[in-house]
C-alpha atoms as a PDB file:
ATOM      1  CA  MET A   1       2.976   1.903  -4.536  1.00  0.00           C
ATOM      2  CA  THR A   2      -0.127   2.708  -2.089  1.00  0.00           C
ATOM      3  CA  THR A   3      -3.108   4.988  -4.115  1.00  0.00           C
ATOM      4  CA  ALA A   4      -4.472   7.327  -1.908  1.00  0.00           C
ATOM      5  CA  THR A   5      -8.021   8.173  -2.700  1.00  0.00           C
ATOM      6  CA  GLN A   6      -7.625  11.533  -0.738  1.00  0.00           C
ATOM      7  CA  PRO A   7      -4.866  12.843  -0.024  1.00  0.00           C
ATOM      8  CA  ALA A   8      -2.050  12.395   2.654  1.00  0.00           C
ATOM      9  CA  ASN A   9      -1.778  14.849   5.676  1.00  0.00           C
ATOM     10  CA  ASN A  10       1.526  14.212   7.162  1.00  0.00           C
ATOM     11  CA  GLY A  11       2.090  18.019   7.821  1.00  0.00           C
ATOM     12  CA  VAL A  12       4.710  18.166   4.842  1.00  0.00           C
ATOM     13  CA  ASN A  13       5.137  20.741   2.641  1.00  0.00           C
ATOM     14  CA  THR A  14       6.299  18.856  -0.466  1.00  0.00           C
ATOM     15  CA  GLU A  15       5.201  20.669  -3.093  1.00  0.00           C
ATOM     16  CA  ALA A  16       7.990  23.256  -1.704  1.00  0.00           C
ATOM     17  CA  LEU A  17      10.229  20.909  -1.458  1.00  0.00           C
ATOM     18  CA  ILE A  18       9.459  19.832  -5.098  1.00  0.00           C
ATOM     19  CA  GLY A  19       9.970  23.722  -6.333  1.00  0.00           C
ATOM     20  CA  ALA A  20      13.411  23.801  -4.283  1.00  0.00           C
ATOM     21  CA  ARG A  21      14.645  21.224  -6.637  1.00  0.00           C
ATOM     22  CA  GLY A  22      13.948  22.712  -9.242  1.00  0.00           C
ATOM     23  CA  ALA A  23      15.017  26.513  -8.024  1.00  0.00           C
ATOM     24  CA  PHE A  24      18.371  24.985  -7.155  1.00  0.00           C
ATOM     25  CA  GLU A  25      19.102  23.407 -10.479  1.00  0.00           C
ATOM     26  CA  GLN A  26      18.432  26.615 -11.796  1.00  0.00           C
ATOM     27  CA  ALA A  27      20.945  28.270  -8.677  1.00  0.00           C
ATOM     28  CA  PRO A  28      23.224  25.750  -7.517  1.00  0.00           C
ATOM     29  CA  GLN A  29      25.196  27.793  -5.372  1.00  0.00           C
ATOM     30  CA  ALA A  30      22.038  28.641  -3.190  1.00  0.00           C
ATOM     31  CA  ALA A  31      21.845  24.613  -2.098  1.00  0.00           C
ATOM     32  CA  ARG A  32      25.203  25.061   0.117  1.00  0.00           C
ATOM     33  CA  PHE A  33      24.473  25.970   3.658  1.00  0.00           C
ATOM     34  CA  THR A  34      26.681  25.817   6.467  1.00  0.00           C
ATOM     35  CA  PHE A  35      25.167  25.251   9.836  1.00  0.00           C
ATOM     36  CA  ARG A  36      26.883  25.846  13.417  1.00  0.00           C
ATOM     37  CA  SER A  37      26.218  25.493  17.064  1.00  0.00           C
ATOM     38  CA  THR A  38      27.874  27.132  19.597  1.00  0.00           C
ATOM     39  CA  CYS A  39      29.038  24.868  22.533  1.00  0.00           C
ATOM     40  CA  ASP A  40      29.701  26.270  26.226  1.00  0.00           C
ATOM     41  CA  TRP A  41      31.215  24.618  28.922  1.00  0.00           C
ATOM     42  CA  ILE A  42      29.180  24.551  32.457  1.00  0.00           C
ATOM     43  CA  GLU A  43      31.430  22.612  34.663  1.00  0.00           C
ATOM     44  CA  GLY A  44      33.053  19.087  34.684  1.00  0.00           C
ATOM     45  CA  THR A  45      31.300  17.084  32.260  1.00  0.00           C
ATOM     46  CA  TYR A  46      28.108  19.540  31.585  1.00  0.00           C
ATOM     47  CA  SER A  47      28.115  21.998  28.422  1.00  0.00           C
ATOM     48  CA  GLY A  48      24.763  23.927  26.846  1.00  0.00           C
ATOM     49  CA  ASN A  49      24.496  24.365  23.057  1.00  0.00           C
ATOM     50  CA  ASP A  50      23.156  26.705  21.073  1.00  0.00           C
ATOM     51  CA  ILE A  51      21.738  26.513  17.377  1.00  0.00           C
ATOM     52  CA  ASN A  52      20.266  29.353  15.599  1.00  0.00           C
ATOM     53  CA  GLY A  53      22.270  31.402  12.717  1.00  0.00           C
ATOM     54  CA  TYR A  54      23.200  29.795   9.439  1.00  0.00           C
ATOM     55  CA  PHE A  55      24.161  29.632   5.895  1.00  0.00           C
ATOM     56  CA  GLY A  56      21.839  29.051   2.891  1.00  0.00           C
ATOM     57  CA  LEU A  57      20.469  30.686  -0.123  1.00  0.00           C
ATOM     58  CA  GLY A  58      23.595  33.071  -0.192  1.00  0.00           C
ATOM     59  CA  GLN A  59      23.303  34.431   2.989  1.00  0.00           C
ATOM     60  CA  ASP A  60      23.255  34.500   6.717  1.00  0.00           C
ATOM     61  CA  HIS A  61      19.874  33.696   8.384  1.00  0.00           C
ATOM     62  CA  GLU A  62      18.558  33.978  12.153  1.00  0.00           C
ATOM     63  CA  ARG A  63      15.729  31.986  13.201  1.00  0.00           C
ATOM     64  CA  GLY A  64      13.062  33.031  15.575  1.00  0.00           C
ATOM     65  CA  LYS A  65      14.362  31.090  18.017  1.00  0.00           C
ATOM     66  CA  THR A  66      17.394  30.106  20.081  1.00  0.00           C
ATOM     67  CA  PHE A  67      17.508  26.358  20.512  1.00  0.00           C
ATOM     68  CA  ARG A  68      19.098  25.430  23.301  1.00  0.00           C
ATOM     69  CA  ILE A  69      21.199  21.235  23.908  1.00  0.00           C
ATOM     70  CA  GLU A  70      22.539  20.441  27.132  1.00  0.00           C
ATOM     71  CA  SER A  71      24.933  17.697  27.821  1.00  0.00           C
ATOM     72  CA  ASP A  72      26.241  15.539  30.113  1.00  0.00           C
ATOM     73  CA  HIS A  73      27.792  12.171  31.330  1.00  0.00           C
ATOM     74  CA  PRO A  74      25.855  10.008  33.565  1.00  0.00           C
ATOM     75  CA  ALA A  75      26.212   9.548  37.155  1.00  0.00           C
ATOM     76  CA  VAL A  76      28.179   5.757  36.429  1.00  0.00           C
ATOM     77  CA  PHE A  77      30.992   8.445  35.252  1.00  0.00           C
ATOM     78  CA  ALA A  78      31.066  10.520  38.438  1.00  0.00           C
ATOM     79  CA  ALA A  79      28.664  13.279  36.161  1.00  0.00           C
ATOM     80  CA  ALA A  80      25.881  15.131  37.390  1.00  0.00           C
ATOM     81  CA  ASP A  81      23.653  13.190  34.369  1.00  0.00           C
ATOM     82  CA  ARG A  82      22.013  16.870  33.706  1.00  0.00           C
ATOM     83  CA  GLY A  83      21.575  15.961  29.787  1.00  0.00           C
ATOM     84  CA  PRO A  84      22.166  13.485  26.803  1.00  0.00           C
ATOM     85  CA  THR A  85      25.868  12.386  26.123  1.00  0.00           C
ATOM     86  CA  PRO A  86      26.977  13.497  23.370  1.00  0.00           C
ATOM     87  CA  PRO A  87      26.717  10.061  21.823  1.00  0.00           C
ATOM     88  CA  GLU A  88      22.866   9.631  22.311  1.00  0.00           C
ATOM     89  CA  ILE A  89      22.433  13.579  20.609  1.00  0.00           C
ATOM     90  CA  VAL A  90      23.805  11.881  17.943  1.00  0.00           C
ATOM     91  CA  LEU A  91      21.260   8.652  18.059  1.00  0.00           C
ATOM     92  CA  ALA A  92      18.704  11.179  18.575  1.00  0.00           C
ATOM     93  CA  ALA A  93      19.859  12.977  15.395  1.00  0.00           C
ATOM     94  CA  LEU A  94      19.667  10.542  13.465  1.00  0.00           C
ATOM     95  CA  ALA A  95      16.097   8.863  14.857  1.00  0.00           C
ATOM     96  CA  SER A  96      15.108  12.489  13.831  1.00  0.00           C
ATOM     97  CA  CYS A  97      15.992  12.754  10.446  1.00  0.00           C
ATOM     98  CA  LEU A  98      15.182   9.781   9.487  1.00  0.00           C
ATOM     99  CA  THR A  99      11.552  10.045  10.345  1.00  0.00           C
ATOM    100  CA  GLY A 100      11.546  13.660   9.297  1.00  0.00           C
ATOM    101  CA  GLY A 101      12.498  12.159   6.043  1.00  0.00           C
ATOM    102  CA  VAL A 102       9.699   9.401   6.157  1.00  0.00           C
ATOM    103  CA  ALA A 103       7.319  11.843   6.613  1.00  0.00           C
ATOM    104  CA  ALA A 104       8.344  13.611   3.774  1.00  0.00           C
ATOM    105  CA  VAL A 105       8.682  10.954   1.732  1.00  0.00           C
ATOM    106  CA  ALA A 106       5.265   9.266   2.819  1.00  0.00           C
ATOM    107  CA  GLN A 107       3.676  12.712   2.228  1.00  0.00           C
ATOM    108  CA  HIS A 108       5.251  12.770  -1.456  1.00  0.00           C
ATOM    109  CA  ARG A 109       4.213   9.053  -2.312  1.00  0.00           C
ATOM    110  CA  GLY A 110       0.272  10.094  -0.733  1.00  0.00           C
ATOM    111  CA  ILE A 111       0.732   7.363   2.207  1.00  0.00           C
ATOM    112  CA  GLN A 112      -1.404   8.570   5.656  1.00  0.00           C
ATOM    113  CA  LEU A 113       1.109   7.800   8.612  1.00  0.00           C
ATOM    114  CA  LYS A 114      -0.881   7.351  11.698  1.00  0.00           C
ATOM    115  CA  SER A 115       2.056   6.987  13.872  1.00  0.00           C
ATOM    116  CA  VAL A 116       6.492   6.623  13.565  1.00  0.00           C
ATOM    117  CA  ARG A 117       8.722   5.483  16.048  1.00  0.00           C
ATOM    118  CA  ALA A 118      12.267   5.129  15.547  1.00  0.00           C
ATOM    119  CA  THR A 119      14.044   3.286  18.570  1.00  0.00           C
ATOM    120  CA  VAL A 120      17.826   3.520  17.747  1.00  0.00           C
ATOM    121  CA  GLU A 121      20.407   1.625  19.831  1.00  0.00           C
ATOM    122  CA  GLY A 122      24.140   2.609  19.887  1.00  0.00           C
ATOM    123  CA  ASP A 123      26.988  -0.185  20.349  1.00  0.00           C
ATOM    124  CA  ILE A 124      29.896   1.581  22.816  1.00  0.00           C
ATOM    125  CA  ASP A 125      33.057   0.385  24.381  1.00  0.00           C
ATOM    126  CA  VAL A 126      34.204   2.658  26.630  1.00  0.00           C
ATOM    127  CA  GLN A 127      37.674   1.541  27.168  1.00  0.00           C
ATOM    128  CA  GLY A 128      38.310   3.357  23.963  1.00  0.00           C
ATOM    129  CA  ILE A 129      36.912   6.647  25.453  1.00  0.00           C
ATOM    130  CA  LEU A 130      39.166   6.496  28.492  1.00  0.00           C
ATOM    131  CA  GLY A 131      42.344   5.918  26.658  1.00  0.00           C
ATOM    132  CA  MET A 132      42.672   1.823  28.203  1.00  0.00           C
ATOM    133  CA  ASP A 133      43.135   0.306  24.673  1.00  0.00           C
ATOM    134  CA  PRO A 134      44.737   1.889  21.164  1.00  0.00           C
ATOM    135  CA  GLU A 135      42.345  -0.719  19.819  1.00  0.00           C
ATOM    136  CA  ILE A 136      39.062   0.076  20.377  1.00  0.00           C
ATOM    137  CA  ARG A 137      37.856   2.996  18.790  1.00  0.00           C
ATOM    138  CA  ASN A 138      35.980   5.549  20.760  1.00  0.00           C
ATOM    139  CA  GLY A 139      32.934   5.786  18.421  1.00  0.00           C
ATOM    140  CA  PHE A 140      30.025   3.100  17.633  1.00  0.00           C
ATOM    141  CA  SER A 141      31.058  -0.098  17.093  1.00  0.00           C
ATOM    142  CA  ALA A 142      27.040  -0.835  15.809  1.00  0.00           C
ATOM    143  CA  VAL A 143      23.904   1.451  15.239  1.00  0.00           C
ATOM    144  CA  ARG A 144      20.942  -0.106  14.914  1.00  0.00           C
ATOM    145  CA  VAL A 145      17.099   1.687  13.869  1.00  0.00           C
ATOM    146  CA  SER A 146      14.193  -0.193  14.418  1.00  0.00           C
ATOM    147  CA  PHE A 147      11.065   1.250  12.738  1.00  0.00           C
ATOM    148  CA  ASP A 148       7.373   0.831  14.494  1.00  0.00           C
ATOM    149  CA  ILE A 149       5.127   2.719  11.544  1.00  0.00           C
ATOM    150  CA  ASP A 150       1.159   2.392  11.497  1.00  0.00           C
ATOM    151  CA  ALA A 151       0.235   4.026   7.997  1.00  0.00           C
ATOM    152  CA  ASP A 152      -2.227   3.514   5.272  1.00  0.00           C
ATOM    153  CA  ALA A 153      -0.059   1.434   2.890  1.00  0.00           C
ATOM    154  CA  SER A 154       1.280  -2.302   2.562  1.00  0.00           C
ATOM    155  CA  LYS A 155       4.501  -3.748   4.515  1.00  0.00           C
ATOM    156  CA  GLU A 156       6.286  -3.254   1.251  1.00  0.00           C
ATOM    157  CA  ASP A 157       5.569   0.276   0.680  1.00  0.00           C
ATOM    158  CA  ILE A 158       6.067   0.858   4.739  1.00  0.00           C
ATOM    159  CA  ALA A 159      10.021  -0.601   3.945  1.00  0.00           C
ATOM    160  CA  ALA A 160      10.098   1.573   0.786  1.00  0.00           C
ATOM    161  CA  LEU A 161       9.443   5.133   2.713  1.00  0.00           C
ATOM    162  CA  VAL A 162      12.100   4.017   5.367  1.00  0.00           C
ATOM    163  CA  ALA A 163      14.588   2.580   2.672  1.00  0.00           C
ATOM    164  CA  GLN A 164      14.157   6.249   0.473  1.00  0.00           C
ATOM    165  CA  SER A 165      14.444   7.795   3.994  1.00  0.00           C
ATOM    166  CA  GLN A 166      17.597   6.463   4.415  1.00  0.00           C
ATOM    167  CA  LYS A 167      18.602   6.889   0.867  1.00  0.00           C
ATOM    168  CA  ARG A 168      18.159  10.865   1.849  1.00  0.00           C
ATOM    169  CA  SER A 169      19.123  11.253   5.503  1.00  0.00           C
ATOM    170  CA  ALA A 170      22.416  13.615   5.926  1.00  0.00           C
ATOM    171  CA  VAL A 171      22.565  12.432   9.181  1.00  0.00           C
ATOM    172  CA  PHE A 172      22.780   8.998   8.012  1.00  0.00           C
ATOM    173  CA  ASP A 173      25.197   9.842   5.432  1.00  0.00           C
ATOM    174  CA  ILE A 174      26.995  11.652   8.450  1.00  0.00           C
ATOM    175  CA  ILE A 175      27.348   8.865  10.527  1.00  0.00           C
ATOM    176  CA  THR A 176      27.707   6.004   7.813  1.00  0.00           C
ATOM    177  CA  ASN A 177      30.746   7.657   5.683  1.00  0.00           C
ATOM    178  CA  PRO A 178      34.194   9.574   6.402  1.00  0.00           C
ATOM    179  CA  THR A 179      33.120  13.705   7.119  1.00  0.00           C
ATOM    180  CA  ASN A 180      36.379  16.199   7.069  1.00  0.00           C
ATOM    181  CA  VAL A 181      36.345  17.708  10.365  1.00  0.00           C
ATOM    182  CA  ALA A 182      38.942  20.426  11.109  1.00  0.00           C
ATOM    183  CA  VAL A 183      39.714  21.215  14.590  1.00  0.00           C
ATOM    184  CA  THR A 184      41.513  24.201  15.912  1.00  0.00           C
ATOM    185  CA  VAL A 185      42.529  26.381  18.768  1.00  0.00           C
ATOM    186  CA  ALA A 186      41.742  30.338  18.823  1.00  0.00           C
END
Protein backbone atom coordinates (compact mmCIF):
# COMPACT_ATOMS: atom_id res chain seq x y z
CA MET A 1 0.00 0.00 0.00
CA THR A 2 1.14 3.52 -0.80
CA THR A 3 2.06 5.72 2.14
CA ALA A 4 1.15 9.33 1.47
CA THR A 5 3.44 12.07 2.81
CA GLN A 6 0.46 14.44 2.90
CA PRO A 7 -3.22 13.61 3.12
CA ALA A 8 -5.02 12.93 -0.14
CA ASN A 9 -7.73 15.37 -1.14
CA ASN A 10 -10.02 13.69 -3.66
CA GLY A 11 -13.13 15.47 -2.39
CA VAL A 12 -14.57 12.49 -0.50
CA ASN A 13 -15.50 12.77 3.18
CA THR A 14 -14.35 9.32 4.25
CA GLU A 15 -14.68 10.23 7.93
CA ALA A 16 -18.43 10.68 7.40
CA LEU A 17 -18.64 7.38 5.52
CA ILE A 18 -16.80 5.53 8.27
CA GLY A 19 -19.01 7.25 10.83
CA ALA A 20 -22.09 6.09 8.91
CA ARG A 21 -20.84 2.50 9.05
CA GLY A 22 -20.61 2.75 12.82
CA ALA A 23 -24.07 4.29 13.10
CA PHE A 24 -25.61 1.63 10.84
CA GLU A 25 -24.06 -1.11 12.95
CA GLN A 26 -26.05 0.30 15.88
CA ALA A 27 -29.25 0.82 13.85
CA PRO A 28 -29.22 -1.45 10.75
CA GLN A 29 -32.82 -0.55 9.83
CA ALA A 30 -31.65 3.02 9.12
CA ALA A 31 -29.39 1.66 6.34
CA ARG A 32 -32.36 0.55 4.25
CA PHE A 33 -32.89 3.05 1.44
CA THR A 34 -35.45 3.19 -1.37
CA PHE A 35 -34.52 5.33 -4.36
CA ARG A 36 -37.14 6.51 -6.86
CA SER A 37 -37.40 7.65 -10.46
CA THR A 38 -40.54 8.74 -12.28
CA CYS A 39 -40.58 8.33 -16.05
CA ASP A 40 -43.05 10.11 -18.32
CA TRP A 41 -43.47 9.24 -21.97
CA ILE A 42 -43.13 12.31 -24.20
CA GLU A 43 -43.57 10.88 -27.72
CA GLY A 44 -42.27 8.03 -29.82
CA THR A 45 -39.39 6.42 -27.94
CA TYR A 46 -38.60 9.69 -26.12
CA SER A 47 -39.17 9.86 -22.37
CA GLY A 48 -38.05 11.91 -19.39
CA ASN A 49 -37.10 10.60 -15.96
CA ASP A 50 -37.31 12.81 -12.89
CA ILE A 51 -35.28 11.80 -9.86
CA ASN A 52 -35.73 13.47 -6.50
CA GLY A 53 -37.22 11.94 -3.36
CA TYR A 54 -35.93 8.86 -1.62
CA PHE A 55 -36.46 7.01 1.65
CA GLY A 56 -33.53 6.51 4.00
CA LEU A 57 -32.48 6.88 7.62
CA GLY A 58 -36.06 5.96 8.54
CA GLN A 59 -37.79 8.79 6.66
CA ASP A 60 -38.55 10.34 3.29
CA HIS A 61 -36.13 12.94 1.90
CA GLU A 62 -36.44 15.51 -0.89
CA ARG A 63 -33.39 16.87 -2.67
CA GLY A 64 -32.94 20.57 -3.30
CA LYS A 65 -33.11 19.86 -7.02
CA THR A 66 -34.91 17.39 -9.26
CA PHE A 67 -32.53 15.65 -11.65
CA ARG A 68 -33.74 14.82 -15.16
CA ILE A 69 -32.52 12.11 -17.47
CA GLU A 70 -34.00 12.01 -20.94
CA SER A 71 -33.93 8.90 -23.08
CA ASP A 72 -34.56 8.12 -26.73
CA HIS A 73 -33.32 5.84 -29.48
CA PRO A 74 -30.90 6.69 -32.29
CA ALA A 75 -31.96 7.71 -35.79
CA VAL A 76 -31.01 4.27 -37.16
CA PHE A 77 -34.10 2.99 -35.29
CA ALA A 78 -36.31 5.66 -36.91
CA ALA A 79 -36.25 7.74 -33.73
CA ALA A 80 -35.25 11.36 -33.10
CA ASP A 81 -32.08 10.63 -31.06
CA ARG A 82 -32.89 13.23 -28.36
CA GLY A 83 -31.12 11.37 -25.58
CA PRO A 84 -29.12 8.27 -24.75
CA THR A 85 -30.77 4.88 -24.98
CA PRO A 86 -31.77 3.19 -21.71
CA PRO A 87 -28.91 0.65 -22.06
CA GLU A 88 -26.45 3.56 -22.45
CA ILE A 89 -27.83 5.06 -19.25
CA VAL A 90 -27.12 1.75 -17.50
CA LEU A 91 -23.52 1.85 -18.78
CA ALA A 92 -23.18 5.44 -17.55
CA ALA A 93 -24.54 4.41 -14.15
CA LEU A 94 -21.97 1.61 -13.93
CA ALA A 95 -19.12 3.93 -14.90
CA SER A 96 -20.26 6.58 -12.41
CA CYS A 97 -20.64 4.11 -9.56
CA LEU A 98 -17.24 2.52 -10.12
CA THR A 99 -15.52 5.90 -10.60
CA GLY A 100 -17.07 7.31 -7.42
CA GLY A 101 -15.93 4.20 -5.61
CA VAL A 102 -12.37 4.63 -6.87
CA ALA A 103 -12.35 8.18 -5.49
CA ALA A 104 -13.73 7.09 -2.11
CA VAL A 105 -11.30 4.17 -1.74
CA ALA A 106 -8.37 6.34 -2.84
CA GLN A 107 -9.31 8.99 -0.28
CA HIS A 108 -9.58 6.38 2.47
CA ARG A 109 -6.21 4.88 1.52
CA GLY A 110 -4.49 8.25 1.27
CA ILE A 111 -3.91 8.04 -2.48
CA GLN A 112 -4.08 11.33 -4.36
CA LEU A 113 -5.87 11.02 -7.69
CA LYS A 114 -4.87 13.22 -10.61
CA SER A 115 -7.40 11.89 -13.13
CA VAL A 116 -9.79 8.96 -13.50
CA ARG A 117 -11.55 7.95 -16.70
CA ALA A 118 -13.74 4.88 -17.09
CA THR A 119 -14.70 3.74 -20.56
CA VAL A 120 -17.59 1.29 -20.64
CA GLU A 121 -18.80 -0.74 -23.60
CA GLY A 122 -21.76 -3.08 -23.76
CA ASP A 123 -22.53 -5.57 -26.53
CA ILE A 124 -26.18 -6.03 -27.44
CA ASP A 125 -27.83 -7.90 -30.33
CA VAL A 126 -31.03 -6.00 -31.18
CA GLN A 127 -32.54 -9.13 -32.76
CA GLY A 128 -33.58 -10.03 -29.21
CA ILE A 129 -35.27 -6.68 -28.56
CA LEU A 130 -37.04 -6.84 -31.92
CA GLY A 131 -38.38 -10.34 -31.14
CA MET A 132 -36.59 -11.87 -34.12
CA ASP A 133 -34.96 -14.73 -32.21
CA PRO A 134 -36.17 -15.93 -28.79
CA GLU A 135 -32.72 -17.39 -28.11
CA ILE A 136 -31.08 -13.94 -28.20
CA ARG A 137 -31.40 -12.06 -24.94
CA ASN A 138 -32.69 -8.49 -24.91
CA GLY A 139 -29.90 -7.13 -22.74
CA PHE A 140 -26.14 -6.96 -22.86
CA SER A 141 -24.26 -10.14 -23.69
CA ALA A 142 -21.01 -8.60 -22.42
CA VAL A 143 -19.90 -5.41 -20.67
CA ARG A 144 -16.32 -4.18 -20.51
CA VAL A 145 -14.98 -1.45 -18.22
CA SER A 146 -11.54 0.01 -18.79
CA PHE A 147 -9.96 2.51 -16.40
CA ASP A 148 -7.26 5.06 -17.15
CA ILE A 149 -6.11 6.33 -13.75
CA ASP A 150 -3.31 8.76 -12.97
CA ALA A 151 -2.53 8.78 -9.26
CA ASP A 152 0.32 9.06 -6.81
CA ALA A 153 0.39 5.28 -6.42
CA SER A 154 1.86 2.12 -7.89
CA LYS A 155 0.06 0.14 -10.59
CA GLU A 156 -0.68 -2.51 -7.99
CA ASP A 157 -2.25 0.04 -5.63
CA ILE A 158 -4.33 1.47 -8.48
CA ALA A 159 -5.53 -2.01 -9.43
CA ALA A 160 -6.48 -2.57 -5.78
CA LEU A 161 -8.52 0.67 -5.81
CA VAL A 162 -10.49 -0.56 -8.81
CA ALA A 163 -10.96 -4.03 -7.30
CA GLN A 164 -12.30 -2.58 -4.04
CA SER A 165 -14.58 -0.19 -5.93
CA GLN A 166 -15.96 -3.09 -7.97
CA LYS A 167 -16.47 -5.12 -4.78
CA ARG A 168 -18.56 -2.31 -3.20
CA SER A 169 -20.37 -0.96 -6.29
CA ALA A 170 -24.17 -1.08 -6.08
CA VAL A 171 -24.53 -0.82 -9.86
CA PHE A 172 -21.95 -3.55 -10.53
CA ASP A 173 -23.96 -5.76 -8.15
CA ILE A 174 -27.26 -4.86 -9.87
CA ILE A 175 -25.85 -5.74 -13.30
CA THR A 176 -24.07 -8.95 -12.30
CA ASN A 177 -26.63 -10.49 -9.93
CA PRO A 178 -30.31 -11.33 -10.34
CA THR A 179 -32.64 -8.71 -8.86
CA ASN A 180 -36.33 -9.20 -8.11
CA VAL A 181 -38.26 -6.75 -10.28
CA ALA A 182 -42.05 -6.38 -10.00
CA VAL A 183 -43.93 -4.58 -12.77
CA THR A 184 -47.56 -3.57 -12.15
CA VAL A 185 -50.20 -1.53 -13.93
CA ALA A 186 -52.21 0.96 -11.87
